[in-house]
């Protein structure tokens, strides 16, 4: 059996969905990719700055609240102060961080890098989900295999696409490391 690897990566920062004080309704807030760092009496606060896509209102998403300067290593503090794009993306993908701030993560657009299994032989696909835990495994499979939802359902029912650990590929959430088997159609 041939083994191939896929890497699932975010295409951009997802919106944070939360009530907007200016609009008066739930709104999508886009990450600016910029951090605000404030120090007061030996305590640090770090926020990721978002803007309402509708009205432009600013929302500060708390990343570190009242932290001691020693609790954040120097390299990470430098990344906050330098508005590190990768750190901002990681924070915007963190569903737990958004939930603690009264928001939820919007839909995530992503890319799947790696070869498409050929039709000749069974293939084990090792999927590196990275920071996209929570995205549906079926979305990843549909995107990479180029099939519709109903076509993926038929492939799963026929046993041509299945998870190595036996989980339902149509209902499972993507994990950091996951494996599926893709089998060619046998005539």
N, C-alpha and C. Protein backbone atom coordinates (compact mmCIF):
# COMPACT_ATOMS: atom_id res chain seq x y z
N UNK A 1 0.85 -1.18 0.00
CA UNK A 1 0.00 0.00 0.00
C UNK A 1 0.90 1.24 0.00
N UNK A 2 0.59 2.15 -0.87
CA UNK A 2 1.33 3.39 -1.00
C UNK A 2 0.90 4.36 0.11
N UNK A 3 1.85 5.16 0.63
CA UNK A 3 1.53 6.16 1.64
C UNK A 3 1.90 7.54 1.11
N UNK A 4 0.97 8.48 1.26
CA UNK A 4 1.24 9.87 0.88
C UNK A 4 0.88 10.77 2.07
N UNK A 5 1.37 11.99 2.04
CA UNK A 5 1.12 12.94 3.13
C UNK A 5 0.41 14.18 2.61
N UNK A 6 -0.54 14.66 3.40
CA UNK A 6 -1.21 15.91 3.12
C UNK A 6 -0.97 16.84 4.30
N UNK A 7 -0.81 18.10 4.00
CA UNK A 7 -0.70 19.12 5.04
C UNK A 7 -1.84 20.11 4.84
N UNK A 8 -2.65 20.29 5.87
CA UNK A 8 -3.78 21.21 5.80
C UNK A 8 -3.35 22.51 6.47
N UNK A 9 -3.43 23.60 5.74
CA UNK A 9 -2.98 24.90 6.25
C UNK A 9 -4.05 25.96 6.00
N UNK A 10 -4.17 26.90 6.93
CA UNK A 10 -5.15 27.97 6.73
C UNK A 10 -4.73 28.88 5.58
N UNK A 11 -5.68 29.32 4.78
CA UNK A 11 -5.39 30.23 3.68
C UNK A 11 -5.33 31.68 4.19
N UNK A 12 -6.13 31.96 5.24
CA UNK A 12 -6.15 33.29 5.84
C UNK A 12 -6.78 33.17 7.22
N UNK A 13 -6.68 34.23 7.99
CA UNK A 13 -7.27 34.23 9.34
C UNK A 13 -8.79 34.24 9.22
N UNK A 14 -9.46 33.36 9.96
CA UNK A 14 -10.93 33.36 9.92
C UNK A 14 -11.49 34.55 10.69
N UNK A 15 -12.68 34.91 10.38
CA UNK A 15 -13.36 35.99 11.11
C UNK A 15 -13.74 35.50 12.50
N UNK A 16 -13.81 36.43 13.43
CA UNK A 16 -14.34 36.15 14.76
C UNK A 16 -15.77 36.66 14.76
N UNK A 17 -16.70 35.83 15.17
CA UNK A 17 -18.11 36.19 15.17
C UNK A 17 -18.53 36.55 16.58
N UNK A 18 -19.04 37.78 16.73
CA UNK A 18 -19.44 38.27 18.05
C UNK A 18 -20.35 39.47 17.89
N UNK A 19 -21.05 39.87 18.95
CA UNK A 19 -21.88 41.08 18.86
C UNK A 19 -21.00 42.32 18.69
N UNK A 20 -21.44 43.22 17.85
CA UNK A 20 -20.75 44.49 17.64
C UNK A 20 -21.51 45.57 18.40
N UNK A 21 -20.82 46.30 19.26
CA UNK A 21 -21.45 47.36 20.04
C UNK A 21 -21.92 48.52 19.19
N UNK A 22 -21.27 48.75 18.08
CA UNK A 22 -21.62 49.87 17.20
C UNK A 22 -22.76 49.50 16.25
N UNK A 23 -22.69 48.27 15.68
CA UNK A 23 -23.74 47.82 14.75
C UNK A 23 -25.01 47.40 15.48
N UNK A 24 -24.85 46.92 16.71
CA UNK A 24 -25.99 46.46 17.48
C UNK A 24 -26.45 45.06 17.12
N UNK A 25 -25.62 44.30 16.42
CA UNK A 25 -25.98 42.94 16.03
C UNK A 25 -24.72 42.09 15.96
N UNK A 26 -24.92 40.77 15.79
CA UNK A 26 -23.77 39.91 15.58
C UNK A 26 -23.08 40.31 14.29
N UNK A 27 -21.75 40.29 14.33
CA UNK A 27 -20.98 40.72 13.16
C UNK A 27 -19.72 39.89 13.05
N UNK A 28 -19.13 39.93 11.87
CA UNK A 28 -17.85 39.27 11.62
C UNK A 28 -16.75 40.31 11.83
N UNK A 29 -15.79 39.96 12.67
CA UNK A 29 -14.65 40.83 12.93
C UNK A 29 -13.43 40.21 12.28
N UNK A 30 -12.70 41.01 11.51
CA UNK A 30 -11.50 40.54 10.82
C UNK A 30 -10.26 40.91 11.63
N UNK A 31 -9.34 39.97 11.72
CA UNK A 31 -8.09 40.23 12.42
C UNK A 31 -7.26 41.23 11.62
N UNK A 32 -6.70 42.22 12.32
CA UNK A 32 -5.81 43.17 11.66
C UNK A 32 -4.39 42.61 11.60
N UNK A 33 -4.12 41.55 12.37
CA UNK A 33 -2.77 41.00 12.44
C UNK A 33 -1.86 41.78 13.36
N UNK A 34 -2.42 42.77 14.05
CA UNK A 34 -1.63 43.61 14.95
C UNK A 34 -1.99 43.32 16.41
N UNK A 35 -0.97 43.38 17.26
CA UNK A 35 -1.17 43.19 18.70
C UNK A 35 -1.04 44.53 19.40
N UNK A 36 -1.69 44.66 20.52
CA UNK A 36 -1.51 45.79 21.42
C UNK A 36 -0.96 45.22 22.71
N UNK A 37 0.15 45.77 23.17
CA UNK A 37 0.79 45.30 24.40
C UNK A 37 0.80 46.47 25.38
N UNK A 38 0.37 46.21 26.60
CA UNK A 38 0.32 47.24 27.63
C UNK A 38 0.93 46.68 28.92
N UNK A 39 1.80 47.44 29.54
CA UNK A 39 2.39 47.06 30.82
C UNK A 39 1.96 48.07 31.87
N UNK A 40 1.52 47.53 33.03
CA UNK A 40 1.09 48.41 34.10
C UNK A 40 1.38 47.73 35.43
N UNK A 41 2.22 48.35 36.24
CA UNK A 41 2.56 47.84 37.57
C UNK A 41 2.97 46.37 37.54
N UNK A 42 3.96 46.06 36.75
CA UNK A 42 4.53 44.71 36.66
C UNK A 42 3.54 43.67 36.13
N UNK A 43 2.56 44.11 35.39
CA UNK A 43 1.61 43.20 34.75
C UNK A 43 1.55 43.52 33.27
N UNK A 44 1.37 42.48 32.46
CA UNK A 44 1.28 42.65 31.01
C UNK A 44 -0.10 42.25 30.51
N UNK A 45 -0.58 43.02 29.56
CA UNK A 45 -1.79 42.67 28.84
C UNK A 45 -1.44 42.67 27.36
N UNK A 46 -1.94 41.67 26.62
CA UNK A 46 -1.72 41.59 25.18
C UNK A 46 -3.07 41.32 24.53
N UNK A 47 -3.38 42.11 23.50
CA UNK A 47 -4.62 41.93 22.77
C UNK A 47 -4.31 41.78 21.29
N UNK A 48 -5.12 40.97 20.60
CA UNK A 48 -5.09 40.92 19.15
C UNK A 48 -6.23 41.82 18.67
N UNK A 49 -5.91 42.74 17.79
CA UNK A 49 -6.89 43.75 17.38
C UNK A 49 -7.69 43.26 16.17
N UNK A 50 -9.01 43.37 16.30
CA UNK A 50 -9.95 43.01 15.23
C UNK A 50 -10.75 44.25 14.83
N UNK A 51 -11.28 44.23 13.61
CA UNK A 51 -12.17 45.30 13.13
C UNK A 51 -13.46 44.67 12.60
N UNK A 52 -14.57 45.32 12.90
CA UNK A 52 -15.87 44.87 12.40
C UNK A 52 -15.88 45.05 10.89
N UNK A 53 -16.26 44.00 10.18
CA UNK A 53 -16.29 44.05 8.72
C UNK A 53 -17.40 44.97 8.22
N UNK A 54 -18.40 45.25 9.04
CA UNK A 54 -19.53 46.08 8.63
C UNK A 54 -19.28 47.57 8.88
N UNK A 55 -18.88 47.90 10.12
CA UNK A 55 -18.79 49.32 10.49
C UNK A 55 -17.37 49.78 10.82
N UNK A 56 -16.43 48.86 10.95
CA UNK A 56 -15.05 49.25 11.25
C UNK A 56 -14.75 49.43 12.72
N UNK A 57 -15.71 49.11 13.60
CA UNK A 57 -15.46 49.22 15.04
C UNK A 57 -14.32 48.30 15.44
N UNK A 58 -13.55 48.72 16.44
CA UNK A 58 -12.40 47.94 16.90
C UNK A 58 -12.80 47.08 18.09
N UNK A 59 -12.30 45.84 18.10
CA UNK A 59 -12.47 44.93 19.23
C UNK A 59 -11.11 44.36 19.57
N UNK A 60 -10.74 44.44 20.84
CA UNK A 60 -9.48 43.89 21.31
C UNK A 60 -9.73 42.53 21.95
N UNK A 61 -9.19 41.49 21.34
CA UNK A 61 -9.32 40.13 21.84
C UNK A 61 -8.15 39.86 22.80
N UNK A 62 -8.46 39.61 24.04
CA UNK A 62 -7.43 39.43 25.06
C UNK A 62 -6.67 38.12 24.85
N UNK A 63 -5.36 38.22 24.65
CA UNK A 63 -4.50 37.05 24.47
C UNK A 63 -3.82 36.72 25.80
N UNK A 64 -3.28 37.74 26.46
CA UNK A 64 -2.68 37.61 27.78
C UNK A 64 -3.32 38.67 28.66
N UNK A 65 -3.83 38.25 29.81
CA UNK A 65 -4.49 39.19 30.70
C UNK A 65 -3.80 39.21 32.05
N UNK A 66 -3.26 40.35 32.41
CA UNK A 66 -2.61 40.58 33.70
C UNK A 66 -1.49 39.57 33.97
N UNK A 67 -0.74 39.24 32.94
CA UNK A 67 0.35 38.28 33.07
C UNK A 67 1.59 38.91 33.67
N UNK A 68 2.36 38.12 34.38
CA UNK A 68 3.64 38.60 34.90
C UNK A 68 4.64 38.62 33.75
N UNK A 69 5.53 39.60 33.73
CA UNK A 69 6.50 39.67 32.64
C UNK A 69 7.31 38.37 32.46
N UNK A 70 7.61 37.67 33.52
CA UNK A 70 8.36 36.41 33.42
C UNK A 70 7.54 35.25 32.88
N UNK A 71 6.21 35.40 32.86
CA UNK A 71 5.36 34.30 32.38
C UNK A 71 5.34 34.21 30.86
N UNK A 72 5.79 35.26 30.19
CA UNK A 72 5.89 35.27 28.73
C UNK A 72 7.37 35.29 28.40
N UNK A 73 7.84 34.29 27.63
CA UNK A 73 9.27 34.30 27.32
C UNK A 73 9.60 35.48 26.40
N UNK A 74 10.85 35.89 26.44
CA UNK A 74 11.30 37.08 25.72
C UNK A 74 11.05 37.01 24.23
N UNK A 75 11.25 35.82 23.65
CA UNK A 75 11.04 35.67 22.21
C UNK A 75 9.58 35.89 21.84
N UNK A 76 8.67 35.32 22.65
CA UNK A 76 7.25 35.49 22.35
C UNK A 76 6.82 36.95 22.54
N UNK A 77 7.35 37.60 23.56
CA UNK A 77 7.03 39.01 23.78
C UNK A 77 7.51 39.85 22.59
N UNK A 78 8.69 39.54 22.08
CA UNK A 78 9.20 40.24 20.89
C UNK A 78 8.29 40.02 19.69
N UNK A 79 7.74 38.80 19.59
CA UNK A 79 6.82 38.49 18.48
C UNK A 79 5.52 39.30 18.63
N UNK A 80 5.02 39.45 19.87
CA UNK A 80 3.84 40.29 20.09
C UNK A 80 4.16 41.74 19.72
N UNK A 81 5.29 42.25 20.20
CA UNK A 81 5.66 43.64 19.94
C UNK A 81 5.93 43.90 18.46
N UNK A 82 6.40 42.88 17.74
CA UNK A 82 6.69 43.01 16.31
C UNK A 82 5.53 42.65 15.41
N UNK A 83 4.35 42.41 15.99
CA UNK A 83 3.16 42.04 15.22
C UNK A 83 3.43 40.87 14.27
N UNK A 84 3.99 39.80 14.83
CA UNK A 84 4.34 38.61 14.06
C UNK A 84 3.08 38.02 13.41
N UNK A 85 3.11 37.91 12.08
CA UNK A 85 1.94 37.46 11.32
C UNK A 85 1.56 36.02 11.65
N UNK A 86 2.57 35.15 11.84
CA UNK A 86 2.27 33.74 12.14
C UNK A 86 1.63 33.60 13.52
N UNK A 87 2.09 34.38 14.48
CA UNK A 87 1.51 34.35 15.82
C UNK A 87 0.08 34.90 15.79
N UNK A 88 -0.15 35.96 15.03
CA UNK A 88 -1.51 36.52 14.90
C UNK A 88 -2.45 35.50 14.27
N UNK A 89 -1.97 34.78 13.25
CA UNK A 89 -2.79 33.75 12.61
C UNK A 89 -3.10 32.63 13.60
N UNK A 90 -2.08 32.19 14.36
CA UNK A 90 -2.29 31.13 15.34
C UNK A 90 -3.33 31.55 16.38
N UNK A 91 -3.27 32.79 16.84
CA UNK A 91 -4.24 33.28 17.82
C UNK A 91 -5.64 33.36 17.21
N UNK A 92 -5.75 33.79 15.96
CA UNK A 92 -7.07 33.92 15.33
C UNK A 92 -7.71 32.56 15.06
N UNK A 93 -6.89 31.49 14.98
CA UNK A 93 -7.42 30.14 14.77
C UNK A 93 -7.80 29.45 16.08
N UNK A 94 -7.38 30.00 17.20
CA UNK A 94 -7.59 29.37 18.50
C UNK A 94 -9.04 29.55 18.97
N UNK A 95 -9.86 28.52 18.77
CA UNK A 95 -11.28 28.60 19.12
C UNK A 95 -11.47 28.81 20.61
N UNK A 96 -10.61 28.22 21.45
CA UNK A 96 -10.70 28.41 22.90
C UNK A 96 -10.44 29.85 23.32
N UNK A 97 -9.45 30.47 22.70
CA UNK A 97 -9.14 31.87 22.98
C UNK A 97 -10.32 32.76 22.61
N UNK A 98 -10.90 32.52 21.44
CA UNK A 98 -12.05 33.32 21.02
C UNK A 98 -13.25 33.10 21.95
N UNK A 99 -13.45 31.86 22.37
CA UNK A 99 -14.58 31.56 23.26
C UNK A 99 -14.42 32.28 24.60
N UNK A 100 -13.19 32.30 25.14
CA UNK A 100 -12.94 33.01 26.40
C UNK A 100 -13.20 34.51 26.25
N UNK A 101 -13.17 35.02 25.03
CA UNK A 101 -13.40 36.44 24.77
C UNK A 101 -14.82 36.71 24.26
N UNK A 102 -15.70 35.73 24.35
CA UNK A 102 -17.10 35.93 23.97
C UNK A 102 -17.35 35.91 22.47
N UNK A 103 -16.47 35.24 21.73
CA UNK A 103 -16.63 35.16 20.27
C UNK A 103 -16.52 33.69 19.85
N UNK A 104 -16.79 33.44 18.60
CA UNK A 104 -16.59 32.10 18.05
C UNK A 104 -15.89 32.24 16.70
N UNK A 105 -15.19 31.20 16.33
CA UNK A 105 -14.45 31.23 15.08
C UNK A 105 -15.39 31.04 13.91
N UNK A 106 -15.25 31.89 12.91
CA UNK A 106 -16.04 31.78 11.68
C UNK A 106 -15.48 30.67 10.81
N UNK A 107 -16.06 30.49 9.63
CA UNK A 107 -15.57 29.45 8.71
C UNK A 107 -14.09 29.68 8.37
N UNK A 108 -13.38 28.57 8.28
CA UNK A 108 -11.94 28.63 8.00
C UNK A 108 -11.71 28.23 6.54
N UNK A 109 -11.04 29.10 5.79
CA UNK A 109 -10.64 28.71 4.44
C UNK A 109 -9.25 28.11 4.55
N UNK A 110 -9.03 27.01 3.83
CA UNK A 110 -7.78 26.28 3.97
C UNK A 110 -7.33 25.70 2.65
N UNK A 111 -6.07 25.30 2.61
CA UNK A 111 -5.52 24.60 1.46
C UNK A 111 -5.05 23.24 1.92
N UNK A 112 -5.03 22.29 1.00
CA UNK A 112 -4.54 20.94 1.30
C UNK A 112 -3.38 20.67 0.34
N UNK A 113 -2.18 20.61 0.90
CA UNK A 113 -0.99 20.39 0.09
C UNK A 113 -0.62 18.92 0.11
N UNK A 114 -0.26 18.39 -1.03
CA UNK A 114 0.13 16.99 -1.16
C UNK A 114 -0.49 16.39 -2.40
N UNK A 115 0.02 15.23 -2.80
CA UNK A 115 -0.49 14.60 -4.04
C UNK A 115 -1.88 13.99 -3.85
N UNK A 116 -2.60 13.92 -4.95
CA UNK A 116 -3.92 13.27 -4.96
C UNK A 116 -3.66 11.77 -5.20
N UNK A 117 -4.33 10.89 -4.44
CA UNK A 117 -4.13 9.45 -4.68
C UNK A 117 -4.52 9.08 -6.10
N UNK A 118 -3.72 8.21 -6.73
CA UNK A 118 -4.07 7.78 -8.08
C UNK A 118 -5.06 6.63 -8.00
N UNK A 119 -5.66 6.30 -9.11
CA UNK A 119 -6.70 5.28 -9.14
C UNK A 119 -6.15 3.86 -9.20
N UNK A 120 -4.82 3.70 -9.26
CA UNK A 120 -4.25 2.38 -9.47
C UNK A 120 -4.19 1.47 -8.26
N UNK A 121 -3.91 2.02 -7.07
CA UNK A 121 -3.71 1.15 -5.91
C UNK A 121 -4.26 1.79 -4.65
N UNK A 122 -4.43 0.95 -3.60
CA UNK A 122 -4.86 1.47 -2.31
C UNK A 122 -3.81 2.44 -1.80
N UNK A 123 -4.27 3.47 -1.09
CA UNK A 123 -3.37 4.51 -0.63
C UNK A 123 -3.71 4.90 0.81
N UNK A 124 -2.68 4.95 1.63
CA UNK A 124 -2.84 5.46 3.00
C UNK A 124 -2.45 6.94 2.96
N UNK A 125 -3.34 7.79 3.42
CA UNK A 125 -3.10 9.23 3.42
C UNK A 125 -2.90 9.69 4.86
N UNK A 126 -1.69 10.16 5.16
CA UNK A 126 -1.38 10.71 6.48
C UNK A 126 -1.68 12.20 6.43
N UNK A 127 -2.62 12.66 7.24
CA UNK A 127 -3.06 14.05 7.20
C UNK A 127 -2.52 14.79 8.42
N UNK A 128 -1.78 15.86 8.17
CA UNK A 128 -1.29 16.75 9.22
C UNK A 128 -2.27 17.92 9.29
N UNK A 129 -3.11 17.91 10.32
CA UNK A 129 -4.13 18.94 10.47
C UNK A 129 -3.62 20.23 11.07
N UNK A 130 -2.43 20.18 11.66
CA UNK A 130 -1.84 21.39 12.24
C UNK A 130 -2.77 22.09 13.20
N UNK A 131 -2.95 23.37 13.00
CA UNK A 131 -3.76 24.19 13.91
C UNK A 131 -5.23 24.25 13.51
N UNK A 132 -5.64 23.41 12.58
CA UNK A 132 -7.02 23.46 12.10
C UNK A 132 -7.93 22.41 12.73
N UNK A 133 -7.61 22.00 13.94
CA UNK A 133 -8.48 21.05 14.62
C UNK A 133 -9.88 21.65 14.69
N UNK A 134 -10.87 20.84 14.43
CA UNK A 134 -12.25 21.30 14.47
C UNK A 134 -12.88 21.44 13.09
N UNK A 135 -12.06 21.56 12.06
CA UNK A 135 -12.59 21.57 10.69
C UNK A 135 -13.04 20.15 10.40
N UNK A 136 -14.11 19.99 9.66
CA UNK A 136 -14.62 18.64 9.38
C UNK A 136 -13.68 17.91 8.42
N UNK A 137 -13.39 16.66 8.76
CA UNK A 137 -12.54 15.82 7.92
C UNK A 137 -13.14 15.68 6.52
N UNK A 138 -14.47 15.60 6.45
CA UNK A 138 -15.14 15.46 5.15
C UNK A 138 -14.85 16.66 4.25
N UNK A 139 -14.75 17.87 4.82
CA UNK A 139 -14.43 19.06 4.02
C UNK A 139 -13.05 18.93 3.40
N UNK A 140 -12.09 18.44 4.18
CA UNK A 140 -10.72 18.26 3.69
C UNK A 140 -10.71 17.23 2.56
N UNK A 141 -11.37 16.11 2.78
CA UNK A 141 -11.41 15.06 1.75
C UNK A 141 -12.10 15.53 0.48
N UNK A 142 -13.22 16.21 0.62
CA UNK A 142 -13.93 16.71 -0.56
C UNK A 142 -13.07 17.68 -1.36
N UNK A 143 -12.40 18.58 -0.64
CA UNK A 143 -11.58 19.58 -1.32
C UNK A 143 -10.44 18.92 -2.08
N UNK A 144 -9.74 17.98 -1.45
CA UNK A 144 -8.56 17.39 -2.09
C UNK A 144 -8.93 16.38 -3.17
N UNK A 145 -9.98 15.59 -2.92
CA UNK A 145 -10.37 14.58 -3.90
C UNK A 145 -11.22 15.16 -5.03
N UNK A 146 -11.71 16.39 -4.85
CA UNK A 146 -12.51 17.04 -5.89
C UNK A 146 -13.87 16.40 -6.08
N UNK A 147 -14.51 16.03 -4.98
CA UNK A 147 -15.82 15.38 -5.06
C UNK A 147 -16.86 16.20 -4.29
N UNK A 148 -18.12 15.97 -4.63
CA UNK A 148 -19.21 16.64 -3.92
C UNK A 148 -19.49 15.88 -2.62
N UNK A 149 -20.37 16.48 -1.82
CA UNK A 149 -20.75 15.84 -0.55
C UNK A 149 -21.39 14.48 -0.78
N UNK A 150 -22.31 14.42 -1.75
CA UNK A 150 -22.99 13.14 -2.00
C UNK A 150 -22.02 12.11 -2.59
N UNK A 151 -21.08 12.55 -3.42
CA UNK A 151 -20.09 11.61 -3.96
C UNK A 151 -19.21 11.06 -2.84
N UNK A 152 -18.82 11.92 -1.88
CA UNK A 152 -18.03 11.44 -0.75
C UNK A 152 -18.83 10.46 0.10
N UNK A 153 -20.11 10.72 0.27
CA UNK A 153 -20.97 9.78 1.02
C UNK A 153 -20.99 8.42 0.33
N UNK A 154 -21.11 8.39 -1.00
CA UNK A 154 -21.11 7.13 -1.74
C UNK A 154 -19.76 6.42 -1.61
N UNK A 155 -18.67 7.17 -1.67
CA UNK A 155 -17.33 6.57 -1.51
C UNK A 155 -17.17 5.96 -0.12
N UNK A 156 -17.67 6.66 0.92
CA UNK A 156 -17.58 6.14 2.29
C UNK A 156 -18.45 4.91 2.47
N UNK A 157 -19.67 4.93 1.93
CA UNK A 157 -20.57 3.79 2.04
C UNK A 157 -20.01 2.57 1.32
N UNK A 158 -19.32 2.78 0.21
CA UNK A 158 -18.73 1.68 -0.56
C UNK A 158 -17.41 1.20 0.04
N UNK A 159 -16.94 1.88 1.10
CA UNK A 159 -15.67 1.48 1.73
C UNK A 159 -14.44 1.95 0.97
N UNK A 160 -14.62 2.86 0.03
CA UNK A 160 -13.48 3.34 -0.77
C UNK A 160 -12.72 4.45 -0.06
N UNK A 161 -13.35 5.11 0.91
CA UNK A 161 -12.69 6.10 1.76
C UNK A 161 -13.08 5.77 3.19
N UNK A 162 -12.06 5.52 4.03
CA UNK A 162 -12.33 5.18 5.43
C UNK A 162 -11.18 5.65 6.31
N UNK A 163 -11.49 5.88 7.57
CA UNK A 163 -10.47 6.29 8.53
C UNK A 163 -9.76 5.04 9.06
N UNK A 164 -8.47 5.14 9.26
CA UNK A 164 -7.68 4.01 9.76
C UNK A 164 -8.16 3.59 11.14
N UNK A 165 -8.53 4.57 11.99
CA UNK A 165 -8.97 4.24 13.35
C UNK A 165 -10.45 3.89 13.44
N UNK A 166 -11.15 3.82 12.30
CA UNK A 166 -12.54 3.40 12.28
C UNK A 166 -13.55 4.50 12.50
N UNK A 167 -13.13 5.74 12.70
CA UNK A 167 -14.10 6.82 12.89
C UNK A 167 -14.83 7.10 11.58
N UNK A 168 -16.00 7.68 11.71
CA UNK A 168 -16.82 8.01 10.55
C UNK A 168 -16.22 9.22 9.84
N UNK A 169 -15.72 9.07 8.62
CA UNK A 169 -15.07 10.17 7.91
C UNK A 169 -16.04 11.30 7.58
N UNK A 170 -17.33 11.01 7.57
CA UNK A 170 -18.31 12.04 7.25
C UNK A 170 -18.64 12.92 8.46
N UNK A 171 -18.44 12.40 9.67
CA UNK A 171 -18.81 13.13 10.87
C UNK A 171 -17.61 13.60 11.69
N UNK A 172 -16.44 13.03 11.46
CA UNK A 172 -15.27 13.31 12.30
C UNK A 172 -14.73 14.72 12.08
N UNK A 173 -14.16 15.25 13.13
CA UNK A 173 -13.44 16.52 13.06
C UNK A 173 -11.97 16.21 12.79
N UNK A 174 -11.31 17.11 12.10
CA UNK A 174 -9.89 16.96 11.80
C UNK A 174 -9.08 17.04 13.09
N UNK A 175 -8.14 16.12 13.23
CA UNK A 175 -7.23 16.12 14.37
C UNK A 175 -5.84 16.51 13.88
N UNK A 176 -4.92 16.83 14.80
CA UNK A 176 -3.57 17.21 14.35
C UNK A 176 -2.89 16.15 13.47
N UNK A 177 -3.10 14.86 13.78
CA UNK A 177 -2.53 13.79 12.96
C UNK A 177 -3.61 12.74 12.76
N UNK A 178 -3.89 12.43 11.51
CA UNK A 178 -4.97 11.52 11.19
C UNK A 178 -4.60 10.75 9.93
N UNK A 179 -5.15 9.56 9.78
CA UNK A 179 -4.87 8.75 8.58
C UNK A 179 -6.17 8.19 8.02
N UNK A 180 -6.26 8.22 6.70
CA UNK A 180 -7.40 7.64 6.00
C UNK A 180 -6.87 6.72 4.90
N UNK A 181 -7.72 5.79 4.50
CA UNK A 181 -7.40 4.88 3.40
C UNK A 181 -8.30 5.25 2.22
N UNK A 182 -7.68 5.41 1.06
CA UNK A 182 -8.43 5.68 -0.17
C UNK A 182 -8.18 4.50 -1.09
N UNK A 183 -9.27 3.82 -1.48
CA UNK A 183 -9.17 2.64 -2.35
C UNK A 183 -9.74 2.95 -3.72
N UNK A 184 -9.11 2.45 -4.76
CA UNK A 184 -9.65 2.66 -6.12
C UNK A 184 -10.90 1.82 -6.33
N UNK A 185 -11.68 2.22 -7.30
CA UNK A 185 -12.88 1.44 -7.64
C UNK A 185 -12.44 0.17 -8.34
N UNK A 186 -12.91 -0.95 -7.84
CA UNK A 186 -12.58 -2.25 -8.46
C UNK A 186 -13.73 -2.68 -9.35
N UNK A 187 -13.41 -3.06 -10.57
CA UNK A 187 -14.46 -3.48 -11.51
C UNK A 187 -14.73 -4.96 -11.42
